[in-house]
C-alpha atoms as a PDB file:
ATOM      1  CA  MET A   1     -36.524  -1.046  37.817  1.00  0.00           C
ATOM      2  CA  GLU A   2     -37.374  -1.526  34.074  1.00  0.00           C
ATOM      3  CA  GLN A   3     -34.458  -3.421  32.187  1.00  0.00           C
ATOM      4  CA  LYS A   4     -33.733  -1.718  29.216  1.00  0.00           C
ATOM      5  CA  GLN A   5     -33.212  -3.725  25.757  1.00  0.00           C
ATOM      6  CA  TYR A   6     -30.664  -3.058  23.398  1.00  0.00           C
ATOM      7  CA  THR A   7     -30.021  -4.201  19.700  1.00  0.00           C
ATOM      8  CA  LEU A   8     -26.874  -6.213  18.681  1.00  0.00           C
ATOM      9  CA  GLN A   9     -25.475  -2.790  17.265  1.00  0.00           C
ATOM     10  CA  GLN A  10     -26.132  -0.755  20.526  1.00  0.00           C
ATOM     11  CA  TRP A  11     -24.378  -3.491  22.919  1.00  0.00           C
ATOM     12  CA  SER A  12     -21.270  -3.757  20.856  1.00  0.00           C
ATOM     13  CA  ALA A  13     -21.215  -0.094  20.776  1.00  0.00           C
ATOM     14  CA  ILE A  14     -21.292   0.114  24.483  1.00  0.00           C
ATOM     15  CA  GLN A  15     -18.842  -2.434  25.212  1.00  0.00           C
ATOM     16  CA  GLY A  16     -16.272  -0.986  22.496  1.00  0.00           C
ATOM     17  CA  GLY A  17     -16.603   2.550  24.586  1.00  0.00           C
ATOM     18  CA  HIS A  18     -18.611   4.059  21.627  1.00  0.00           C
ATOM     19  CA  GLU A  19     -21.705   6.347  21.679  1.00  0.00           C
ATOM     20  CA  MET A  20     -24.484   4.055  21.737  1.00  0.00           C
ATOM     21  CA  PRO A  21     -26.818   4.412  18.356  1.00  0.00           C
ATOM     22  CA  GLU A  22     -30.378   5.674  18.352  1.00  0.00           C
ATOM     23  CA  THR A  23     -32.942   2.573  18.074  1.00  0.00           C
ATOM     24  CA  PRO A  24     -34.092   2.661  14.424  1.00  0.00           C
ATOM     25  CA  LYS A  25     -37.868   3.018  13.679  1.00  0.00           C
ATOM     26  CA  SER A  26     -39.469   0.310  12.349  1.00  0.00           C
ATOM     27  CA  GLN A  27     -40.438   1.063   8.866  1.00  0.00           C
ATOM     28  CA  TYR A  28     -43.639  -0.856   9.574  1.00  0.00           C
ATOM     29  CA  SER A  29     -44.451   1.105  12.787  1.00  0.00           C
ATOM     30  CA  PHE A  30     -47.013   3.379  11.188  1.00  0.00           C
ATOM     31  CA  ILE A  31     -49.412   0.216  10.585  1.00  0.00           C
ATOM     32  CA  GLY A  32     -50.699   0.635  14.022  1.00  0.00           C
ATOM     33  CA  ASP A  33     -52.081   3.782  13.180  1.00  0.00           C
ATOM     34  CA  ILE A  34     -53.762   3.008   9.813  1.00  0.00           C
ATOM     35  CA  MET A  35     -57.854   3.080   9.944  1.00  0.00           C
ATOM     36  CA  GLU A  36     -59.909   0.133   8.045  1.00  0.00           C
ATOM     37  CA  SER A  37     -62.201   3.017   7.529  1.00  0.00           C
ATOM     38  CA  LYS A  38     -62.040   4.274   3.555  1.00  0.00           C
ATOM     39  CA  MET A  39     -62.988   7.712   4.783  1.00  0.00           C
ATOM     40  CA  PHE A  40     -60.238   8.178   7.123  1.00  0.00           C
ATOM     41  CA  ARG A  41     -57.133   6.323   6.489  1.00  0.00           C
ATOM     42  CA  SER A  42     -55.313   7.234   9.682  1.00  0.00           C
ATOM     43  CA  LYS A  43     -55.434   8.376  13.397  1.00  0.00           C
ATOM     44  CA  ALA A  44     -53.201  11.500  12.223  1.00  0.00           C
ATOM     45  CA  ARG A  45     -55.363  12.547   9.755  1.00  0.00           C
ATOM     46  CA  VAL A  46     -58.425  12.377  11.750  1.00  0.00           C
ATOM     47  CA  GLU A  47     -56.704  14.164  14.391  1.00  0.00           C
ATOM     48  CA  GLY A  48     -55.664  16.969  12.226  1.00  0.00           C
ATOM     49  CA  SER A  49     -59.029  17.556  10.647  1.00  0.00           C
ATOM     50  CA  ASN A  50     -61.193  20.746  10.587  1.00  0.00           C
ATOM     51  CA  ALA A  51     -63.846  20.508  13.548  1.00  0.00           C
ATOM     52  CA  ARG A  52     -66.318  21.995  11.682  1.00  0.00           C
ATOM     53  CA  ASP A  53     -65.883  19.495   8.769  1.00  0.00           C
ATOM     54  CA  MET A  54     -66.020  16.605  11.417  1.00  0.00           C
ATOM     55  CA  ALA A  55     -69.247  17.889  13.064  1.00  0.00           C
ATOM     56  CA  ASP A  56     -70.925  18.001   9.838  1.00  0.00           C
ATOM     57  CA  PHE A  57     -69.790  14.754   8.651  1.00  0.00           C
ATOM     58  CA  ALA A  58     -70.788  13.240  11.988  1.00  0.00           C
ATOM     59  CA  MET A  59     -74.382  14.809  11.465  1.00  0.00           C
ATOM     60  CA  MET A  60     -74.768  13.914   8.150  1.00  0.00           C
ATOM     61  CA  ASN A  61     -73.861  10.246   8.691  1.00  0.00           C
ATOM     62  CA  VAL A  62     -76.363   9.922  11.466  1.00  0.00           C
ATOM     63  CA  LEU A  63     -79.020  11.364   9.235  1.00  0.00           C
ATOM     64  CA  ALA A  64     -77.941   9.078   6.370  1.00  0.00           C
ATOM     65  CA  LEU A  65     -78.162   6.069   8.833  1.00  0.00           C
ATOM     66  CA  TYR A  66     -81.787   6.743  10.194  1.00  0.00           C
ATOM     67  CA  ILE A  67     -82.963   7.087   6.221  1.00  0.00           C
ATOM     68  CA  LEU A  68     -81.642   3.586   5.273  1.00  0.00           C
ATOM     69  CA  SER A  69     -83.203   2.381   8.555  1.00  0.00           C
ATOM     70  CA  ASN A  70     -86.152   3.043   6.959  1.00  0.00           C
ATOM     71  CA  GLU A  71     -85.735   1.408   3.723  1.00  0.00           C
ATOM     72  CA  TYR A  72     -86.877  -2.252   3.502  1.00  0.00           C
ATOM     73  CA  ASP A  73     -84.149  -2.946   1.040  1.00  0.00           C
ATOM     74  CA  TYR A  74     -81.226  -1.208   3.461  1.00  0.00           C
ATOM     75  CA  ALA A  75     -82.549  -1.677   6.890  1.00  0.00           C
ATOM     76  CA  VAL A  76     -80.304  -4.765   7.306  1.00  0.00           C
ATOM     77  CA  ALA A  77     -77.237  -2.969   6.094  1.00  0.00           C
ATOM     78  CA  ALA A  78     -78.128   0.142   8.562  1.00  0.00           C
ATOM     79  CA  GLN A  79     -78.652  -2.444  11.126  1.00  0.00           C
ATOM     80  CA  ASP A  80     -75.122  -4.065  10.512  1.00  0.00           C
ATOM     81  CA  TYR A  81     -73.545  -0.630  10.352  1.00  0.00           C
ATOM     82  CA  ALA A  82     -75.026   0.776  13.734  1.00  0.00           C
ATOM     83  CA  LYS A  83     -73.609  -2.749  15.167  1.00  0.00           C
ATOM     84  CA  ARG A  84     -70.413  -1.922  13.958  1.00  0.00           C
ATOM     85  CA  THR A  85     -70.279   1.540  15.112  1.00  0.00           C
ATOM     86  CA  ILE A  86     -71.228   0.830  18.809  1.00  0.00           C
ATOM     87  CA  MET A  87     -69.234  -2.552  18.838  1.00  0.00           C
ATOM     88  CA  TYR A  88     -66.388  -1.247  21.158  1.00  0.00           C
ATOM     89  CA  GLY A  89     -69.245   0.247  23.714  1.00  0.00           C
ATOM     90  CA  ASN A  90     -67.926   3.569  23.902  1.00  0.00           C
ATOM     91  CA  PHE A  91     -66.351   6.522  21.797  1.00  0.00           C
ATOM     92  CA  ASN A  92     -63.190   7.289  24.067  1.00  0.00           C
ATOM     93  CA  ASN A  93     -60.500   5.956  21.784  1.00  0.00           C
ATOM     94  CA  PHE A  94     -59.781   5.503  18.118  1.00  0.00           C
ATOM     95  CA  ARG A  95     -60.292   2.016  16.795  1.00  0.00           C
ATOM     96  CA  ALA A  96     -58.513   0.668  13.614  1.00  0.00           C
ATOM     97  CA  GLY A  97     -61.764  -1.209  12.997  1.00  0.00           C
ATOM     98  CA  GLY A  98     -64.019   1.784  13.644  1.00  0.00           C
ATOM     99  CA  THR A  99     -66.541   2.863  11.000  1.00  0.00           C
ATOM    100  CA  ASP A 100     -66.509   6.299  10.043  1.00  0.00           C
ATOM    101  CA  LEU A 101     -69.396   7.443  12.047  1.00  0.00           C
ATOM    102  CA  ASN A 102     -67.525   5.864  15.101  1.00  0.00           C
ATOM    103  CA  ILE A 103     -64.285   7.702  14.174  1.00  0.00           C
ATOM    104  CA  ALA A 104     -66.046  11.139  13.508  1.00  0.00           C
ATOM    105  CA  LEU A 105     -67.920  10.649  17.142  1.00  0.00           C
ATOM    106  CA  VAL A 106     -64.644   9.919  18.617  1.00  0.00           C
ATOM    107  CA  ALA A 107     -62.817  12.757  17.213  1.00  0.00           C
ATOM    108  CA  VAL A 108     -65.632  15.231  18.185  1.00  0.00           C
ATOM    109  CA  LYS A 109     -65.784  13.661  21.662  1.00  0.00           C
ATOM    110  CA  ASN A 110     -61.512  13.755  22.080  1.00  0.00           C
ATOM    111  CA  GLY A 111     -60.910  16.830  20.471  1.00  0.00           C
ATOM    112  CA  MET A 112     -58.762  17.407  17.142  1.00  0.00           C
ATOM    113  CA  SER A 113     -55.167  18.610  17.384  1.00  0.00           C
ATOM    114  CA  ASP A 114     -55.365  21.287  14.671  1.00  0.00           C
ATOM    115  CA  SER A 115     -53.846  24.173  16.502  1.00  0.00           C
ATOM    116  CA  GLY A 116     -55.568  26.813  14.520  1.00  0.00           C
ATOM    117  CA  GLU A 117     -57.380  29.354  16.853  1.00  0.00           C
ATOM    118  CA  LYS A 118     -60.384  29.025  14.888  1.00  0.00           C
ATOM    119  CA  ASN A 119     -60.545  25.242  14.718  1.00  0.00           C
ATOM    120  CA  GLN A 120     -59.606  25.314  18.385  1.00  0.00           C
ATOM    121  CA  LEU A 121     -62.615  27.477  19.423  1.00  0.00           C
ATOM    122  CA  GLN A 122     -65.006  25.489  17.361  1.00  0.00           C
ATOM    123  CA  ALA A 123     -63.649  22.212  18.771  1.00  0.00           C
ATOM    124  CA  GLY A 124     -64.510  23.351  22.092  1.00  0.00           C
ATOM    125  CA  LYS A 125     -67.776  23.877  21.159  1.00  0.00           C
ATOM    126  CA  LEU A 126     -68.660  20.493  19.908  1.00  0.00           C
ATOM    127  CA  LYS A 127     -70.229  17.498  22.189  1.00  0.00           C
ATOM    128  CA  PHE A 128     -73.027  14.951  22.256  1.00  0.00           C
ATOM    129  CA  ASN A 129     -74.805  12.616  24.629  1.00  0.00           C
ATOM    130  CA  ASP A 130     -72.848   9.554  24.945  1.00  0.00           C
ATOM    131  CA  GLN A 131     -75.799   7.440  26.556  1.00  0.00           C
ATOM    132  CA  LYS A 132     -78.251   9.021  24.110  1.00  0.00           C
ATOM    133  CA  MET A 133     -76.057   8.201  21.172  1.00  0.00           C
ATOM    134  CA  LYS A 134     -75.235   4.589  22.283  1.00  0.00           C
ATOM    135  CA  ILE A 135     -79.123   4.039  23.000  1.00  0.00           C
ATOM    136  CA  PHE A 136     -79.956   5.664  19.501  1.00  0.00           C
ATOM    137  CA  LEU A 137     -77.331   2.787  17.886  1.00  0.00           C
ATOM    138  CA  ARG A 138     -77.956   0.034  19.892  1.00  0.00           C
ATOM    139  CA  THR A 139     -81.822   0.048  19.166  1.00  0.00           C
ATOM    140  CA  MET A 140     -81.123   0.487  15.547  1.00  0.00           C
ATOM    141  CA  SER A 141     -78.619  -2.507  15.557  1.00  0.00           C
ATOM    142  CA  ALA A 142     -81.373  -4.463  17.201  1.00  0.00           C
ATOM    143  CA  GLY A 143     -83.728  -3.392  14.121  1.00  0.00           C
ATOM    144  CA  ARG A 144     -86.125  -1.261  16.444  1.00  0.00           C
ATOM    145  CA  PRO A 145     -87.092   2.117  15.343  1.00  0.00           C
ATOM    146  CA  PRO A 146     -85.430   4.560  17.623  1.00  0.00           C
ATOM    147  CA  ALA A 147     -87.767   6.270  20.584  1.00  0.00           C
ATOM    148  CA  SER A 148     -88.187  10.270  20.354  1.00  0.00           C
ATOM    149  CA  ILE A 149     -86.051  10.302  17.240  1.00  0.00           C
ATOM    150  CA  ASN A 150     -87.306  13.846  16.901  1.00  0.00           C
ATOM    151  CA  SER A 151     -85.565  15.214  20.096  1.00  0.00           C
ATOM    152  CA  PHE A 152     -82.409  12.943  19.661  1.00  0.00           C
ATOM    153  CA  LEU A 153     -81.709  14.743  16.251  1.00  0.00           C
ATOM    154  CA  LEU A 154     -82.613  18.296  17.332  1.00  0.00           C
ATOM    155  CA  ILE A 155     -80.329  17.799  20.535  1.00  0.00           C
ATOM    156  CA  LEU A 156     -77.738  16.500  18.448  1.00  0.00           C
ATOM    157  CA  GLU A 157     -77.872  19.034  15.758  1.00  0.00           C
ATOM    158  CA  ARG A 158     -77.071  21.673  18.907  1.00  0.00           C
ATOM    159  CA  ASP A 159     -74.427  19.760  20.470  1.00  0.00           C
ATOM    160  CA  LEU A 160     -72.600  19.420  17.078  1.00  0.00           C
ATOM    161  CA  ASP A 161     -73.326  23.301  16.381  1.00  0.00           C
ATOM    162  CA  ILE A 162     -74.432  22.657  13.053  1.00  0.00           C
ATOM    163  CA  GLN A 163     -74.604  26.104  11.482  1.00  0.00           C
ATOM    164  CA  ASN A 164     -75.401  25.317   7.683  1.00  0.00           C
ATOM    165  CA  SER A 165     -79.215  26.208   7.343  1.00  0.00           C
ATOM    166  CA  ASN A 166     -79.307  23.632   4.630  1.00  0.00           C
ATOM    167  CA  TYR A 167     -78.276  21.048   6.822  1.00  0.00           C
ATOM    168  CA  ARG A 168     -80.658  21.942   9.558  1.00  0.00           C
ATOM    169  CA  SER A 169     -83.457  21.614   6.755  1.00  0.00           C
ATOM    170  CA  ILE A 170     -82.333  17.951   6.150  1.00  0.00           C
ATOM    171  CA  ARG A 171     -82.578  17.135   9.677  1.00  0.00           C
ATOM    172  CA  ARG A 172     -86.083  18.564   9.748  1.00  0.00           C
ATOM    173  CA  LEU A 173     -87.264  16.302   6.787  1.00  0.00           C
ATOM    174  CA  VAL A 174     -85.395  13.245   7.809  1.00  0.00           C
ATOM    175  CA  GLN A 175     -86.758  13.154  10.948  1.00  0.00           C
ATOM    176  CA  ASP A 176     -90.431  12.576   9.403  1.00  0.00           C
ATOM    177  CA  TRP A 177     -88.858  10.328   6.936  1.00  0.00           C
ATOM    178  CA  PRO A 178     -91.440   7.541   6.706  1.00  0.00           C
ATOM    179  CA  ARG A 179     -94.116  10.121   6.324  1.00  0.00           C
ATOM    180  CA  LEU A 180     -92.556  12.077   3.619  1.00  0.00           C
ATOM    181  CA  ASN A 181     -93.692  11.861  -0.292  1.00  0.00           C
ATOM    182  CA  LYS A 182     -91.289  11.391  -2.922  1.00  0.00           C
ATOM    183  CA  MET A 183     -90.633  14.894  -3.537  1.00  0.00           C
ATOM    184  CA  GLN A 184     -89.711  15.626   0.023  1.00  0.00           C
ATOM    185  CA  LYS A 185     -87.330  12.855   0.034  1.00  0.00           C
ATOM    186  CA  GLN A 186     -85.857  14.029  -3.556  1.00  0.00           C
ATOM    187  CA  LEU A 187     -85.093  17.410  -1.999  1.00  0.00           C
ATOM    188  CA  VAL A 188     -83.089  15.465   1.263  1.00  0.00           C
ATOM    189  CA  ILE A 189     -81.436  12.748  -1.004  1.00  0.00           C
ATOM    190  CA  THR A 190     -80.465  15.577  -3.768  1.00  0.00           C
ATOM    191  CA  ARG A 191     -78.698  17.596  -1.075  1.00  0.00           C
ATOM    192  CA  MET A 192     -77.267  14.947   0.894  1.00  0.00           C
ATOM    193  CA  MET A 193     -75.773  13.369  -2.370  1.00  0.00           C
ATOM    194  CA  GLN A 194     -74.119  16.942  -2.907  1.00  0.00           C
ATOM    195  CA  PHE A 195     -72.651  17.184   0.524  1.00  0.00           C
ATOM    196  CA  PHE A 196     -71.024  13.320   0.025  1.00  0.00           C
ATOM    197  CA  ARG A 197     -69.798  14.265  -3.356  1.00  0.00           C
ATOM    198  CA  THR A 198     -68.212  17.181  -2.395  1.00  0.00           C
ATOM    199  CA  LYS A 199     -67.001  16.463   1.148  1.00  0.00           C
ATOM    200  CA  ALA A 200     -67.081  12.852   1.810  1.00  0.00           C
ATOM    201  CA  LEU A 201     -66.975  10.719  -1.169  1.00  0.00           C
ATOM    202  CA  ARG A 202     -65.464   7.764   0.478  1.00  0.00           C
ATOM    203  CA  SER A 203     -67.742   7.860   3.024  1.00  0.00           C
ATOM    204  CA  GLU A 204     -69.055   4.061   4.049  1.00  0.00           C
ATOM    205  CA  LEU A 205     -72.643   5.275   4.033  1.00  0.00           C
ATOM    206  CA  TYR A 206     -72.736   7.347   0.528  1.00  0.00           C
ATOM    207  CA  SER A 207     -72.724   4.206  -1.820  1.00  0.00           C
ATOM    208  CA  TYR A 208     -76.159   3.075   0.064  1.00  0.00           C
ATOM    209  CA  ILE A 209     -77.445   6.591  -0.270  1.00  0.00           C
ATOM    210  CA  ARG A 210     -76.042   6.324  -3.885  1.00  0.00           C
ATOM    211  CA  ASP A 211     -77.836   3.173  -4.741  1.00  0.00           C
ATOM    212  CA  MET A 212     -81.242   3.777  -3.085  1.00  0.00           C
ATOM    213  CA  SER A 213     -81.120   6.984  -5.304  1.00  0.00           C
ATOM    214  CA  ARG A 214     -80.911   5.458  -8.286  1.00  0.00           C
ATOM    215  CA  SER A 215     -83.209   2.569  -7.593  1.00  0.00           C
ATOM    216  CA  GLN A 216     -85.821   4.976  -6.338  1.00  0.00           C
ATOM    217  CA  GLY A 217     -85.032   7.934  -8.855  1.00  0.00           C
ATOM    218  CA  LEU A 218     -84.579  10.148  -5.865  1.00  0.00           C
ATOM    219  CA  GLU A 219     -81.629  12.576  -7.289  1.00  0.00           C
ATOM    220  CA  ALA A 220     -82.678  15.469  -8.999  1.00  0.00           C
ATOM    221  CA  LYS A 221     -80.632  15.992 -12.262  1.00  0.00           C
ATOM    222  CA  ASN A 222     -78.779  19.238 -13.089  1.00  0.00           C
ATOM    223  CA  ALA A 223     -79.602  20.774  -9.556  1.00  0.00           C
ATOM    224  CA  HIS A 224     -77.533  23.549  -8.267  1.00  0.00           C
ATOM    225  CA  ASN A 225     -74.839  22.339  -6.168  1.00  0.00           C
ATOM    226  CA  ALA A 226     -75.750  23.980  -2.677  1.00  0.00           C
ATOM    227  CA  GLU A 227     -72.193  23.164  -1.528  1.00  0.00           C
ATOM    228  CA  GLY A 228     -70.746  25.888  -3.830  1.00  0.00           C
ATOM    229  CA  ALA A 229     -73.695  28.284  -2.976  1.00  0.00           C
ATOM    230  CA  PRO A 230     -72.253  31.841  -1.557  1.00  0.00           C
ATOM    231  CA  LYS A 231     -72.554  32.204   2.377  1.00  0.00           C
ATOM    232  CA  SER A 232     -74.872  34.963   2.200  1.00  0.00           C
ATOM    233  CA  TYR A 233     -77.485  32.767   0.682  1.00  0.00           C
ATOM    234  CA  GLY A 234     -77.810  30.789   3.780  1.00  0.00           C
ATOM    235  CA  ALA A 235     -79.075  33.754   5.706  1.00  0.00           C
ATOM    236  CA  ASP A 236     -82.213  34.081   3.169  1.00  0.00           C
ATOM    237  CA  THR A 237     -83.252  30.101   3.765  1.00  0.00           C
ATOM    238  CA  LEU A 238     -82.598  30.717   7.516  1.00  0.00           C
ATOM    239  CA  ALA A 239     -85.152  33.485   7.435  1.00  0.00           C
ATOM    240  CA  LYS A 240     -87.848  31.427   5.636  1.00  0.00           C
ATOM    241  CA  LEU A 241     -87.166  28.367   8.352  1.00  0.00           C
ATOM    242  CA  ALA A 242     -88.056  30.981  10.710  1.00  0.00           C
ATOM    243  CA  VAL A 243     -91.370  31.771   9.249  1.00  0.00           C
ATOM    244  CA  ALA A 244     -92.360  28.480   8.236  1.00  0.00           C
ATOM    245  CA  GLY A 245     -91.183  26.328  10.726  1.00  0.00           C
ATOM    246  CA  GLY A 246     -91.455  22.460  10.772  1.00  0.00           C
ATOM    247  CA  ALA A 247     -90.784  19.654   7.995  1.00  0.00           C
ATOM    248  CA  VAL A 248     -92.165  22.059   5.246  1.00  0.00           C
ATOM    249  CA  ALA A 249     -89.695  24.603   6.179  1.00  0.00           C
ATOM    250  CA  GLY A 250     -86.711  22.308   5.401  1.00  0.00           C
ATOM    251  CA  GLY A 251     -88.498  21.433   2.330  1.00  0.00           C
ATOM    252  CA  TYR A 252     -88.883  25.126   1.267  1.00  0.00           C
ATOM    253  CA  ALA A 253     -85.160  25.900   2.337  1.00  0.00           C
ATOM    254  CA  LEU A 254     -83.579  22.815   0.335  1.00  0.00           C
ATOM    255  CA  GLY A 255     -86.145  23.725  -2.540  1.00  0.00           C
ATOM    256  CA  LYS A 256     -84.243  27.388  -2.734  1.00  0.00           C
ATOM    257  CA  SER A 257     -80.816  26.072  -2.387  1.00  0.00           C
ATOM    258  CA  ILE A 258     -80.971  23.412  -4.941  1.00  0.00           C
ATOM    259  CA  GLY A 259     -82.488  25.690  -7.512  1.00  0.00           C
ATOM    260  CA  SER A 260     -85.695  25.654 -10.001  1.00  0.00           C
ATOM    261  CA  ASN A 261     -84.402  22.575 -11.777  1.00  0.00           C
ATOM    262  CA  ILE A 262     -86.351  20.163  -9.723  1.00  0.00           C
ATOM    263  CA  GLY A 263     -89.643  22.367  -9.819  1.00  0.00           C
ATOM    264  CA  GLY A 264     -88.405  25.284  -7.309  1.00  0.00           C
ATOM    265  CA  MET A 265     -90.776  26.948  -5.272  1.00  0.00           C
ATOM    266  CA  GLN A 266     -93.539  26.653  -8.012  1.00  0.00           C
ATOM    267  CA  GLY A 267     -93.679  22.683  -7.438  1.00  0.00           C
ATOM    268  CA  PHE A 268     -93.385  23.150  -3.683  1.00  0.00           C
ATOM    269  CA  ARG A 269     -95.962  25.433  -3.371  1.00  0.00           C
ATOM    270  CA  GLY A 270     -98.037  22.454  -5.345  1.00  0.00           C
ATOM    271  CA  LEU A 271     -97.032  20.179  -2.824  1.00  0.00           C
ATOM    272  CA  ASN A 272     -98.344  22.094   0.036  1.00  0.00           C
ATOM    273  CA  LYS A 273    -102.007  21.755  -1.437  1.00  0.00           C
ATOM    274  CA  LYS A 274    -101.572  17.825  -1.330  1.00  0.00           C
ATOM    275  CA  ILE A 275    -100.421  17.540   2.213  1.00  0.00           C
ATOM    276  CA  THR A 276    -103.051  16.783   4.696  1.00  0.00           C
ATOM    277  CA  SER A 277    -101.367  15.831   7.829  1.00  0.00           C
ATOM    278  CA  LYS A 278    -101.472  18.461  10.632  1.00  0.00           C
ATOM    279  CA  ASN A 279     -97.778  18.573  11.014  1.00  0.00           C
ATOM    280  CA  TYR A 280     -97.141  19.788   7.799  1.00  0.00           C
ATOM    281  CA  THR A 281     -99.642  22.592   7.619  1.00  0.00           C
ATOM    282  CA  VAL A 282     -98.489  26.156   6.486  1.00  0.00           C
ATOM    283  CA  LYS A 283    -100.337  28.945   7.505  1.00  0.00           C
END
């Protein structure tokens, strides 16, 4: 039988025939619940998060990590981040030292405690392939390009039930990042910066994307913030995606979503003429 431990105050009360006072909760007991992540400060906050937002955050961080791994100045940082994300070997438990991405994946895998019916329905749709995610991160942490990146990102998008048509457009472009020209990269980074600034300003990878944007001039100035666009707008970009297909469709939709201040559709139509790869042919 397990032997109970009493405080001096409790033992004195027992010996004197008085009611035993409750053990006071340590004022420092919350420390075990604190995360080192700048984005997620506590386990309770993560578990109470909106399932849709957590899935979007996980997807955008995977895309950002892949972008950084393909940039000479940020490849080492991406390698280190991937190594820290997979350092615990699985996504079964919240870890105080976990990266933002690690914590988000743990939350997606294990569910969030928000009791709202809509949130629970969304959480029930979320999943990801543990083994494929581990391979992706371990390959990247070794400084090697992930194999079958198009397939991996597409499956991840479906598993995370990504609904935002612009996020799907970003995925289409990012999977071909090494082959994109500057305007296509500008479309991606401008839209990604809007996401991080609006929904994940404290994200660890945001600072790298921001610095890359500044050094390479990849953020369009005065662009319309698509994070604040009406929901009905997404239906139009979705239709364009279905017609165009491929990476060009992603650029087309993003071009519309962030507005004419970066050249709009006139600039993108001009871009089509310069693309020679059969992967980008528009008919």
